[in-house]
Amino acid sequence: MARNNTEALRKMAATGADMVKIVTWARKYEDNLRLLELIPKAQAIGVRMIAFCMRPLGKISRIASPLMGGYITFASLERGQESTSGQMPASDMKKIFEMLSA
């Protein structure tokens, strides 16, 4: 997976885009790490990146991505309004970021 994601990042960056977005399913926790490792690679070549995993196992990447320099992450406005599996309400995400920054 990591090699394919790295190649996808290179191809997207080669288009001249200012930002790339790669979102994958997390089938195991390690999938989060494989995707998040692309963020510093994107920064090294001067490209902003959105990167996180979907599904319940991908929740951790939705928190870690902006902490690692990912451009943005996505959350639902309210519980029950999630647009995809693994998305959490913005209020929950805000609480987690506040706990991490304390």
Protein backbone atom coordinates (compact mmCIF):
# COMPACT_ATOMS: atom_id res chain seq x y z
CA MET A 1 0.00 0.00 0.00
CA ALA A 2 2.72 2.53 0.92
CA ARG A 3 4.45 2.24 -2.45
CA ASN A 4 1.16 2.73 -4.30
CA ASN A 5 0.28 5.75 -2.15
CA THR A 6 3.74 7.26 -2.68
CA GLU A 7 3.37 6.80 -6.42
CA ALA A 8 -0.12 8.34 -6.31
CA LEU A 9 1.30 11.33 -4.43
CA ARG A 10 4.07 11.77 -7.00
CA LYS A 11 1.64 11.58 -9.92
CA MET A 12 -0.76 14.07 -8.34
CA ALA A 13 2.03 16.48 -7.47
CA ALA A 14 3.37 16.24 -11.02
CA THR A 15 0.10 17.74 -12.30
CA GLY A 16 1.08 21.03 -10.72
CA ALA A 17 -1.71 20.90 -8.15
CA ASP A 18 -1.20 23.02 -5.06
CA MET A 19 -2.90 20.38 -2.94
CA VAL A 20 -3.49 16.65 -3.14
CA LYS A 21 -6.01 14.49 -1.33
CA ILE A 22 -5.57 10.80 -0.70
CA VAL A 23 -8.16 9.02 1.43
CA THR A 24 -8.16 5.26 1.84
CA TRP A 25 -9.97 2.67 3.92
CA ALA A 26 -8.31 1.50 7.10
CA ARG A 27 -8.63 -2.26 7.27
CA LYS A 28 -6.08 -2.45 10.08
CA TYR A 29 -4.48 0.20 12.29
CA GLU A 30 -1.22 0.08 10.35
CA ASP A 31 -3.04 1.45 7.28
CA ASN A 32 -3.28 4.80 9.09
CA LEU A 33 0.49 5.00 9.43
CA ARG A 34 1.08 4.07 5.81
CA LEU A 35 -1.10 6.93 4.65
CA LEU A 36 0.01 9.52 7.21
CA GLU A 37 3.67 8.99 6.28
CA LEU A 38 2.86 10.73 2.99
CA ILE A 39 2.27 14.09 4.70
CA PRO A 40 5.97 14.87 5.31
CA LYS A 41 6.77 13.62 1.81
CA ALA A 42 4.23 16.08 0.38
CA GLN A 43 5.64 18.88 2.52
CA ALA A 44 9.15 18.09 1.28
CA ILE A 45 8.05 18.70 -2.31
CA GLY A 46 6.01 21.79 -1.43
CA VAL A 47 2.53 20.32 -1.85
CA ARG A 48 -0.25 20.71 0.70
CA MET A 49 -1.93 17.41 1.49
CA ILE A 50 -5.20 16.09 2.80
CA ALA A 51 -4.67 12.53 4.01
CA PHE A 52 -6.69 10.33 6.33
CA CYS A 53 -8.40 6.95 6.44
CA MET A 54 -12.07 6.06 6.50
CA ARG A 55 -13.94 3.40 8.47
CA PRO A 56 -13.86 3.04 12.26
CA LEU A 57 -10.18 2.04 12.32
CA GLY A 58 -9.35 5.25 10.44
CA LYS A 59 -10.62 7.63 13.13
CA ILE A 60 -7.13 8.01 14.58
CA SER A 61 -5.82 9.33 11.25
CA ARG A 62 -8.53 12.01 11.18
CA ILE A 63 -7.03 13.34 14.41
CA ALA A 64 -3.37 12.72 13.59
CA SER A 65 -3.41 14.18 10.08
CA PRO A 66 -3.66 17.89 11.01
CA LEU A 67 -1.26 17.33 13.92
CA MET A 68 1.29 16.02 11.41
CA GLY A 69 0.82 18.90 9.01
CA GLY A 70 -2.12 17.66 6.94
CA TYR A 71 -4.01 20.60 5.45
CA ILE A 72 -7.48 19.76 6.80
CA THR A 73 -9.57 16.93 8.15
CA PHE A 74 -13.30 16.35 7.91
CA ALA A 75 -15.97 16.03 10.60
CA SER A 76 -19.75 16.02 10.64
CA LEU A 77 -21.69 18.94 12.08
CA GLU A 78 -23.72 16.71 14.39
CA ARG A 79 -23.72 13.10 15.59
CA GLY A 80 -25.76 11.04 13.16
CA GLN A 81 -24.93 13.31 10.20
CA GLU A 82 -21.68 11.57 9.26
CA SER A 83 -21.19 11.37 5.51
CA THR A 84 -18.93 8.32 5.70
CA SER A 85 -17.80 5.59 8.05
CA GLY A 86 -15.24 6.75 10.58
CA GLN A 87 -16.22 10.40 10.46
CA MET A 88 -16.92 11.91 13.87
CA PRO A 89 -18.84 14.97 15.01
CA ALA A 90 -16.90 18.23 15.04
CA SER A 91 -17.64 18.65 18.76
CA ASP A 92 -15.89 15.35 19.54
CA MET A 93 -12.95 16.25 17.36
CA LYS A 94 -12.65 19.65 19.02
CA LYS A 95 -12.58 18.03 22.48
CA ILE A 96 -9.82 15.66 21.40
CA PHE A 97 -7.72 18.50 19.96
CA GLU A 98 -8.23 20.53 23.14
CA MET A 99 -7.09 17.56 25.28
CA LEU A 100 -4.03 17.06 23.11
CA SER A 101 -3.04 20.72 23.25
CA ALA A 102 -3.43 21.05 27.03
